[in-house]
Amino acid sequence: MADPWTDAVRQHQVFGLLDEFERNLRAAADSGLTPGGEAGVRRALTAATTVKTRLAQTSAPLVPLTSLNNGAPHLQNANGEISTLLSDRNEGHIANANSYVDALLMEFRWLSQTAFRREAKVFVEAAEQFAGALHERETAVRKSLDALQAEIDVRRAEFADASSSATQRLDGLITSTTASVSSLTAQAESTSKQLRNEVEAQKQRLDAYFEQQQTAHLQAAQQRQTEYNDKLTSFEAEYKRELGRVVSEAEQQQSALSTEGEAALARLRSYEDNAKSIIGVTASAGVTGAYINEASEQKQAADVWRIVACVLLFIVIAGAIVTAIWSPLNGNISNEQIAEYGLTRVPIVVVLGGVFTYAARQSAEHRERERNARRRALELTAFNPFIAQLPETEQRALIGETARKYFRGDDAPLAAERE
């Protein structure tokens, strides 16, 4: 698996500039310079070769990119001076190139330090393995998120298709209901018109036979009018029942479609909440790991300063005992001898005591930073399970309060506990 830091270091332009600088210096050395110019070229070539070799021998995670970025301009300027030397033969450019080489050596002065111990190498390898595991975990989480997003898109498309189909069915029901109502209305109007025609015919016959059969025709007409009214009432009641049934079925189907749509929306919201939860857990794990690493580093620093303080304290006590045994004060010495005795021993004790106090203070400060980092790691680990069962409003309030506390570096609770 590729390491971004290692790629950034090994592919940095400094290595190409160093190769180009060495080629230009060798060309200048072979161009027939004066003895002083040759000495300046050899000095610059030795410095460039040493920096290149030590950079290649140093583990990539231990190379600071800041030094590489700051050293690149010095190498470019030095290359420019040597290139100008090759063209105009002015050896004053050699001194300018060496001044840029001095600036380059200042940027890479950390290369002259003692090589790291085997424990540091093991620590670096463990850190690289941990970084690789984090990268694999991040890749797996990203794949899970992509799969979840794809499923959400599929569900959204299914919901859109279901909504479109339901809308089409509802439009069809409305159209069929409208057609049925129109048909029933037309049938009712036709029946009513027919009945009115029959009534008019009967009225005409009644008018023709009014004088002869007034009573009989009046009773028959009244009977037919009653039958007509009954039929009309029955027809209207049947029409209303049929219309109510159709409207009720349409409302039931619309309600079922609305319920199905709400259920689909609820599932989509659940998927979204799951995705947010996964992202929150991943981010919390990364931050917690950073705090744990910080606590380990501060513990190591505190242990080193504690050992230094203990060694100095032992030296002060041992020195006092040795001084008392090997050069004790006799009873018959003068004041000048007492003053000389004190002036030769007290400053040493004071210096050692001052260094002991500084080492003890540094150990306490690193120990305090370790406790702060471990406390924050424990708080972040327990934070998500703690707020999981709380209402959403309380969760947001607690998240906001915790974020403000961490971003402004609030360590007051730990100080209060120590008091």
Protein backbone atom coordinates (compact mmCIF):
# COMPACT_ATOMS: atom_id res chain seq x y z
CA MET A 1 0.00 0.00 0.00
CA ALA A 2 1.34 3.42 -0.99
CA ASP A 3 2.22 5.88 1.78
CA PRO A 4 1.38 9.50 0.80
CA TRP A 5 4.14 10.90 3.03
CA THR A 6 6.80 8.58 1.60
CA ASP A 7 5.72 9.43 -1.97
CA ALA A 8 5.82 13.15 -1.18
CA VAL A 9 9.37 12.85 0.22
CA ARG A 10 10.91 10.53 -2.39
CA GLN A 11 9.35 12.40 -5.33
CA HIS A 12 10.34 15.86 -4.06
CA GLN A 13 12.17 18.16 -6.48
CA VAL A 14 15.14 18.49 -4.05
CA PHE A 15 16.55 15.14 -5.21
CA GLY A 16 16.47 16.20 -8.88
CA LEU A 17 18.04 19.56 -8.00
CA LEU A 18 20.82 17.82 -6.06
CA ASP A 19 21.61 15.59 -9.08
CA GLU A 20 21.68 18.61 -11.39
CA PHE A 21 23.87 20.57 -8.95
CA GLU A 22 26.39 17.68 -8.76
CA ARG A 23 26.60 17.48 -12.57
CA ASN A 24 27.19 21.25 -12.86
CA LEU A 25 29.85 21.18 -10.12
CA ARG A 26 31.75 18.32 -11.82
CA ALA A 27 31.59 20.18 -15.13
CA ALA A 28 32.95 23.31 -13.41
CA ALA A 29 35.76 21.31 -11.76
CA ASP A 30 36.86 20.05 -15.19
CA SER A 31 36.77 23.51 -16.81
CA GLY A 32 40.27 24.62 -15.68
CA LEU A 33 39.62 26.82 -12.64
CA THR A 34 42.20 28.45 -10.38
CA PRO A 35 43.23 26.53 -7.21
CA GLY A 36 40.93 28.70 -5.07
CA GLY A 37 38.01 28.14 -7.44
CA GLU A 38 38.62 24.38 -7.48
CA ALA A 39 38.62 24.33 -3.65
CA GLY A 40 35.28 26.17 -3.57
CA VAL A 41 33.80 23.76 -6.13
CA ARG A 42 35.07 20.71 -4.19
CA ARG A 43 33.57 22.09 -0.99
CA ALA A 44 30.14 22.64 -2.59
CA LEU A 45 30.27 19.18 -4.26
CA THR A 46 31.14 17.50 -0.91
CA ALA A 47 28.24 19.27 0.84
CA ALA A 48 25.73 18.38 -1.90
CA THR A 49 26.84 14.73 -1.98
CA THR A 50 26.64 14.46 1.82
CA VAL A 51 23.12 15.94 1.96
CA LYS A 52 21.93 13.65 -0.85
CA THR A 53 23.43 10.52 0.78
CA ARG A 54 22.01 11.25 4.22
CA LEU A 55 18.60 12.06 2.82
CA ALA A 56 18.56 8.72 1.01
CA GLN A 57 19.62 6.89 4.21
CA THR A 58 16.96 8.58 6.39
CA SER A 59 13.53 6.91 6.75
CA ALA A 60 10.92 8.85 4.79
CA PRO A 61 8.51 9.40 7.76
CA LEU A 62 11.38 11.12 9.63
CA VAL A 63 12.10 13.65 6.85
CA PRO A 64 10.27 16.98 7.41
CA LEU A 65 8.70 18.32 4.23
CA THR A 66 9.33 21.88 5.51
CA SER A 67 13.11 21.40 5.17
CA LEU A 68 12.71 20.03 1.65
CA ASN A 69 10.45 22.92 0.59
CA ASN A 70 12.77 25.55 2.14
CA GLY A 71 15.93 23.94 0.72
CA ALA A 72 14.68 23.80 -2.89
CA PRO A 73 15.08 27.60 -3.53
CA HIS A 74 18.66 27.54 -2.17
CA LEU A 75 19.55 24.68 -4.54
CA GLN A 76 17.95 26.51 -7.48
CA ASN A 77 19.96 29.66 -6.71
CA ALA A 78 23.20 27.68 -6.32
CA ASN A 79 22.53 25.88 -9.65
CA GLY A 80 21.99 29.28 -11.30
CA GLU A 81 25.34 30.57 -9.99
CA ILE A 82 27.26 27.52 -11.26
CA SER A 83 25.48 27.66 -14.65
CA THR A 84 26.48 31.32 -14.94
CA LEU A 85 30.06 30.36 -13.99
CA LEU A 86 30.20 27.85 -16.85
CA SER A 87 29.09 30.54 -19.29
CA ASP A 88 31.06 33.66 -18.22
CA ARG A 89 34.04 32.03 -16.34
CA ASN A 90 33.67 34.49 -13.43
CA GLU A 91 34.79 32.59 -10.28
CA GLY A 92 32.95 35.04 -8.04
CA HIS A 93 29.88 32.88 -8.66
CA ILE A 94 31.54 30.05 -6.70
CA ALA A 95 31.45 32.12 -3.47
CA ASN A 96 27.79 32.97 -4.13
CA ALA A 97 26.99 29.30 -4.72
CA ASN A 98 28.72 28.35 -1.45
CA SER A 99 26.63 30.93 0.44
CA TYR A 100 23.48 29.23 -0.88
CA VAL A 101 25.00 25.85 0.07
CA ASP A 102 25.51 27.19 3.62
CA ALA A 103 21.84 28.16 3.75
CA LEU A 104 20.95 24.67 2.47
CA LEU A 105 23.08 23.03 5.19
CA MET A 106 21.30 25.15 7.81
CA GLU A 107 17.95 23.82 6.55
CA PHE A 108 19.24 20.23 6.72
CA ARG A 109 21.27 20.58 9.91
CA TRP A 110 19.07 17.92 11.52
CA LEU A 111 20.79 15.35 9.24
CA SER A 112 24.00 15.68 11.32
CA GLN A 113 22.31 14.42 14.47
CA THR A 114 22.96 10.93 15.78
CA ALA A 115 20.98 8.17 14.05
CA PHE A 116 17.87 6.97 15.77
CA ARG A 117 18.06 3.90 18.00
CA ARG A 118 16.52 0.56 17.17
CA GLU A 119 13.57 1.31 19.49
CA ALA A 120 12.77 4.47 17.47
CA LYS A 121 12.89 2.47 14.23
CA VAL A 122 10.48 -0.09 15.70
CA PHE A 123 8.24 2.75 16.81
CA VAL A 124 8.28 4.25 13.29
CA GLU A 125 7.47 0.86 11.77
CA ALA A 126 4.59 0.42 14.23
CA ALA A 127 3.36 3.90 13.37
CA GLU A 128 3.53 3.06 9.66
CA GLN A 129 1.56 -0.16 10.24
CA PHE A 130 -1.01 1.75 12.27
CA ALA A 131 -1.29 4.38 9.51
CA GLY A 132 -1.75 1.57 6.96
CA ALA A 133 -4.48 -0.01 9.07
CA LEU A 134 -6.22 3.35 9.40
CA HIS A 135 -6.00 3.82 5.62
CA GLU A 136 -7.49 0.36 4.99
CA ARG A 137 -10.25 1.07 7.50
CA GLU A 138 -10.96 4.41 5.83
CA THR A 139 -11.09 2.69 2.42
CA ALA A 140 -13.53 0.06 3.75
CA VAL A 141 -15.74 2.73 5.31
CA ARG A 142 -15.71 4.75 2.08
CA LYS A 143 -16.73 1.64 0.12
CA SER A 144 -19.56 1.02 2.62
CA LEU A 145 -20.69 4.62 2.27
CA ASP A 146 -20.60 4.36 -1.52
CA ALA A 147 -22.67 1.16 -1.40
CA LEU A 148 -25.11 2.78 1.01
CA GLN A 149 -25.38 5.85 -1.25
CA ALA A 150 -26.04 3.59 -4.25
CA GLU A 151 -28.76 1.76 -2.32
CA ILE A 152 -30.30 5.09 -1.30
CA ASP A 153 -30.30 6.19 -4.95
CA VAL A 154 -31.96 2.90 -5.96
CA ARG A 155 -34.57 3.29 -3.21
CA ARG A 156 -35.18 6.88 -4.24
CA ALA A 157 -35.65 5.79 -7.86
CA GLU A 158 -38.03 3.00 -6.76
CA PHE A 159 -39.99 5.47 -4.71
CA ALA A 160 -40.18 7.89 -7.64
CA ASP A 161 -41.40 5.08 -9.90
CA ALA A 162 -43.95 3.96 -7.30
CA SER A 163 -45.16 7.55 -6.85
CA SER A 164 -45.46 8.00 -10.64
CA SER A 165 -47.35 4.72 -10.99
CA ALA A 166 -49.64 5.62 -8.10
CA THR A 167 -50.28 9.04 -9.61
CA GLN A 168 -51.14 7.44 -12.93
CA ARG A 169 -53.51 4.96 -11.25
CA LEU A 170 -55.13 7.79 -9.31
CA ASP A 171 -55.52 9.82 -12.51
CA GLY A 172 -57.07 6.78 -14.18
CA LEU A 173 -59.50 6.31 -11.28
CA ILE A 174 -60.44 9.97 -11.37
CA THR A 175 -60.95 9.79 -15.14
CA SER A 176 -63.05 6.63 -14.87
CA THR A 177 -65.04 8.13 -11.98
CA THR A 178 -65.66 11.28 -14.00
CA ALA A 179 -66.76 9.19 -16.97
CA SER A 180 -69.05 7.12 -14.74
CA VAL A 181 -70.56 10.26 -13.21
CA SER A 182 -71.04 11.76 -16.67
CA SER A 183 -72.64 8.54 -17.91
CA LEU A 184 -74.92 8.32 -14.90
CA THR A 185 -75.84 11.99 -15.26
CA ALA A 186 -76.61 11.57 -18.93
CA GLN A 187 -78.68 8.46 -18.18
CA ALA A 188 -80.53 10.30 -15.43
CA GLU A 189 -81.24 13.24 -17.70
CA SER A 190 -82.42 10.91 -20.46
CA THR A 191 -84.69 9.03 -18.06
CA SER A 192 -85.98 12.25 -16.60
CA LYS A 193 -86.66 13.65 -20.06
CA GLN A 194 -88.46 10.47 -21.03
CA LEU A 195 -90.54 10.58 -17.91
CA ARG A 196 -91.40 14.20 -18.50
CA ASN A 197 -92.46 13.36 -22.04
CA GLU A 198 -94.69 10.62 -20.72
CA VAL A 199 -96.17 13.00 -18.18
CA GLU A 200 -96.82 15.58 -20.87
CA ALA A 201 -98.53 12.92 -23.03
CA GLN A 202 -100.65 11.87 -20.15
CA LYS A 203 -101.56 15.44 -19.40
CA GLN A 204 -102.64 15.93 -23.01
CA ARG A 205 -104.78 12.81 -22.86
CA LEU A 206 -106.21 13.95 -19.58
CA ASP A 207 -107.03 17.33 -21.10
CA ALA A 208 -108.83 15.58 -24.04
CA TYR A 209 -110.94 13.40 -21.78
CA PHE A 210 -111.21 15.89 -18.90
CA GLU A 211 -114.89 16.54 -19.18
CA GLN A 212 -115.97 12.89 -19.53
CA GLN A 213 -113.54 11.10 -17.24
CA GLN A 214 -112.31 13.90 -14.95
CA THR A 215 -112.37 11.94 -11.74
CA ALA A 216 -110.95 8.68 -13.20
CA HIS A 217 -108.21 10.41 -15.12
CA LEU A 218 -107.31 12.60 -12.15
CA GLN A 219 -106.87 9.56 -9.91
CA ALA A 220 -104.83 7.77 -12.59
CA ALA A 221 -102.68 10.84 -13.09
CA GLN A 222 -102.10 11.14 -9.36
CA GLN A 223 -101.12 7.49 -9.20
CA ARG A 224 -98.69 7.84 -12.09
CA GLN A 225 -97.24 10.99 -10.52
CA THR A 226 -96.65 9.08 -7.30
CA GLU A 227 -94.98 6.23 -9.16
CA TYR A 228 -92.83 8.72 -11.02
CA ASN A 229 -91.79 10.40 -7.80
CA ASP A 230 -90.95 7.04 -6.23
CA LYS A 231 -88.90 5.98 -9.22
CA LEU A 232 -87.12 9.33 -9.30
CA THR A 233 -86.39 9.14 -5.57
CA SER A 234 -85.16 5.55 -5.88
CA PHE A 235 -82.98 6.49 -8.84
CA GLU A 236 -81.46 9.45 -7.01
CA ALA A 237 -80.75 7.28 -3.96
CA GLU A 238 -79.09 4.61 -6.13
CA TYR A 239 -77.07 7.30 -7.91
CA LYS A 240 -75.85 8.76 -4.62
CA ARG A 241 -74.90 5.30 -3.27
CA GLU A 242 -72.94 4.45 -6.42
CA LEU A 243 -71.19 7.82 -6.42
CA GLY A 244 -70.29 7.47 -2.71
CA ARG A 245 -68.89 3.98 -3.32
CA VAL A 246 -66.67 5.18 -6.17
CA VAL A 247 -65.42 8.19 -4.18
CA SER A 248 -64.73 5.97 -1.14
CA GLU A 249 -62.69 3.53 -3.21
CA ALA A 250 -60.68 6.40 -4.71
CA GLU A 251 -60.00 7.84 -1.23
CA GLN A 252 -58.92 4.43 0.10
CA GLN A 253 -56.51 3.93 -2.79
CA GLN A 254 -55.10 7.45 -2.33
CA SER A 255 -54.67 6.79 1.43
CA ALA A 256 -52.86 3.51 0.70
CA LEU A 257 -50.51 5.26 -1.73
CA SER A 258 -49.79 8.03 0.81
CA THR A 259 -49.03 5.43 3.49
CA GLU A 260 -46.65 3.58 1.15
CA GLY A 261 -44.88 6.84 0.25
CA GLU A 262 -44.43 7.81 3.92
CA ALA A 263 -43.01 4.37 4.69
CA ALA A 264 -40.51 4.73 1.83
CA LEU A 265 -39.49 8.19 3.09
CA ALA A 266 -39.03 6.78 6.60
CA ARG A 267 -36.72 4.06 5.22
CA LEU A 268 -34.68 6.65 3.33
CA ARG A 269 -34.31 8.75 6.50
CA SER A 270 -33.21 5.61 8.36
CA TYR A 271 -30.53 4.94 5.70
CA GLU A 272 -29.37 8.56 5.98
CA ASP A 273 -29.15 8.31 9.80
CA ASN A 274 -27.11 5.09 9.48
CA ALA A 275 -24.71 6.80 7.07
CA LYS A 276 -24.29 9.77 9.43
CA SER A 277 -23.70 7.37 12.35
CA ILE A 278 -20.97 5.51 10.40
CA ILE A 279 -19.24 8.79 9.48
CA GLY A 280 -19.41 9.99 13.12
CA VAL A 281 -17.94 6.73 14.47
CA THR A 282 -15.09 6.83 11.92
CA ALA A 283 -14.23 10.46 12.69
CA SER A 284 -14.41 9.80 16.46
CA ALA A 285 -12.05 6.80 16.12
CA GLY A 286 -9.51 8.91 14.21
CA VAL A 287 -9.55 11.76 16.75
CA THR A 288 -9.38 9.31 19.68
CA GLY A 289 -6.35 7.58 18.11
CA ALA A 290 -4.62 10.95 17.71
CA TYR A 291 -5.16 11.75 21.41
CA ILE A 292 -3.86 8.29 22.42
CA ASN A 293 -0.70 8.82 20.33
CA GLU A 294 -0.26 12.27 21.89
CA ALA A 295 -0.60 10.76 25.40
CA SER A 296 2.06 8.13 24.62
CA GLU A 297 4.48 10.76 23.32
CA GLN A 298 3.96 12.99 26.36
CA LYS A 299 4.45 10.01 28.70
CA GLN A 300 7.77 9.15 27.08
CA ALA A 301 8.93 12.79 27.37
CA ALA A 302 7.83 12.95 31.03
CA ASP A 303 9.69 9.71 31.83
CA VAL A 304 12.87 11.05 30.21
CA TRP A 305 12.73 14.32 32.17
CA ARG A 306 11.98 12.38 35.39
CA ILE A 307 15.06 10.21 34.86
CA VAL A 308 17.17 13.33 34.23
CA ALA A 309 15.84 14.95 37.44
CA CYS A 310 16.51 11.80 39.48
CA VAL A 311 20.07 11.53 38.10
CA LEU A 312 20.78 15.19 38.95
CA LEU A 313 19.32 14.79 42.44
CA PHE A 314 21.49 11.73 42.98
CA ILE A 315 24.55 13.65 41.76
CA VAL A 316 23.83 16.55 44.17
CA ILE A 317 23.32 14.23 47.16
CA ALA A 318 26.34 12.05 46.26
CA GLY A 319 28.49 15.17 45.75
CA ALA A 320 27.48 16.51 49.14
CA ILE A 321 28.30 13.20 50.82
CA VAL A 322 31.63 12.84 49.01
CA THR A 323 32.56 16.44 49.84
CA ALA A 324 31.71 15.92 53.49
CA ILE A 325 33.81 12.75 53.63
CA TRP A 326 36.85 13.72 51.55
CA SER A 327 37.20 17.39 52.35
CA PRO A 328 35.48 18.12 55.69
CA LEU A 329 35.85 21.44 57.46
CA ASN A 330 38.29 21.37 60.38
CA GLY A 331 37.68 23.24 63.56
CA ASN A 332 40.72 25.51 63.29
CA ILE A 333 40.21 26.97 59.78
CA SER A 334 39.92 30.68 59.11
CA ASN A 335 37.01 32.67 57.68
CA GLU A 336 38.83 33.05 54.37
CA GLN A 337 39.12 29.29 54.07
CA ILE A 338 35.43 28.89 54.92
CA ALA A 339 34.52 31.46 52.22
CA GLU A 340 36.81 29.74 49.67
CA TYR A 341 35.27 26.38 50.62
CA GLY A 342 31.76 27.71 50.03
CA LEU A 343 32.62 29.57 46.81
CA THR A 344 34.12 26.44 45.25
CA ARG A 345 31.21 24.11 46.10
CA VAL A 346 28.00 26.09 46.51
CA PRO A 347 27.79 27.29 42.81
CA ILE A 348 28.05 23.70 41.64
CA VAL A 349 25.21 22.67 43.94
CA VAL A 350 23.14 25.69 42.85
CA VAL A 351 23.64 24.95 39.14
CA LEU A 352 22.82 21.29 39.56
CA GLY A 353 19.81 22.18 41.70
CA GLY A 354 18.57 24.63 39.05
CA VAL A 355 18.89 22.04 36.31
CA PHE A 356 17.13 19.49 38.58
CA THR A 357 14.27 21.98 39.14
CA TYR A 358 13.93 22.61 35.39
CA ALA A 359 13.91 18.87 34.61
CA ALA A 360 11.30 18.20 37.32
CA ARG A 361 9.12 21.02 36.01
CA GLN A 362 9.37 19.72 32.43
CA SER A 363 8.45 16.22 33.62
CA ALA A 364 5.38 17.61 35.42
CA GLU A 365 4.28 19.60 32.36
CA HIS A 366 4.58 16.58 30.04
CA ARG A 367 2.76 14.43 32.62
CA GLU A 368 -0.07 16.98 32.71
CA ARG A 369 -0.32 16.95 28.91
CA GLU A 370 -0.42 13.14 28.98
CA ARG A 371 -3.31 13.20 31.48
CA ASN A 372 -5.19 15.76 29.36
CA ALA A 373 -4.76 13.67 26.19
CA ARG A 374 -5.87 10.43 27.90
CA ARG A 375 -8.86 12.17 29.47
CA ARG A 376 -9.97 13.52 26.10
CA ALA A 377 -9.51 10.11 24.46
CA LEU A 378 -11.69 8.48 27.16
CA GLU A 379 -14.33 11.22 26.83
CA LEU A 380 -14.50 10.87 23.03
CA THR A 381 -14.69 7.05 23.30
CA ALA A 382 -17.64 7.19 25.73
CA PHE A 383 -19.35 10.21 24.11
CA ASN A 384 -21.32 8.50 21.30
CA PRO A 385 -22.66 5.60 23.49
CA PHE A 386 -23.56 8.14 26.19
CA ILE A 387 -25.72 10.35 23.93
CA ALA A 388 -27.17 7.51 21.83
CA GLN A 389 -30.38 7.21 23.93
CA LEU A 390 -30.90 10.97 24.44
CA PRO A 391 -33.43 13.02 22.43
CA GLU A 392 -32.10 14.64 19.25
CA THR A 393 -32.28 18.18 20.68
CA GLU A 394 -30.21 17.23 23.74
CA GLN A 395 -27.71 15.38 21.49
CA ARG A 396 -27.17 18.51 19.37
CA ALA A 397 -26.78 20.68 22.47
CA LEU A 398 -24.18 18.30 24.00
CA ILE A 399 -22.27 18.01 20.70
CA GLY A 400 -22.10 21.80 20.35
CA GLU A 401 -20.94 22.29 23.95
CA THR A 402 -18.27 19.57 23.62
CA ALA A 403 -17.00 21.01 20.32
CA ARG A 404 -16.64 24.50 21.82
CA LYS A 405 -14.74 23.08 24.80
CA TYR A 406 -12.25 21.12 22.69
CA PHE A 407 -11.66 23.80 20.06
CA ARG A 408 -10.76 26.43 22.66
CA GLY A 409 -8.49 23.97 24.58
CA ASP A 410 -10.45 23.84 27.85
CA ASP A 411 -8.40 21.84 30.38
CA ALA A 412 -9.90 23.46 33.49
CA PRO A 413 -11.73 20.29 34.75
CA LEU A 414 -8.45 18.38 35.10
CA ALA A 415 -6.81 21.27 37.00
CA ALA A 416 -9.78 21.34 39.40
CA GLU A 417 -9.46 17.59 40.00
CA ARG A 418 -5.76 17.97 40.90
CA GLU A 419 -6.62 20.67 43.46
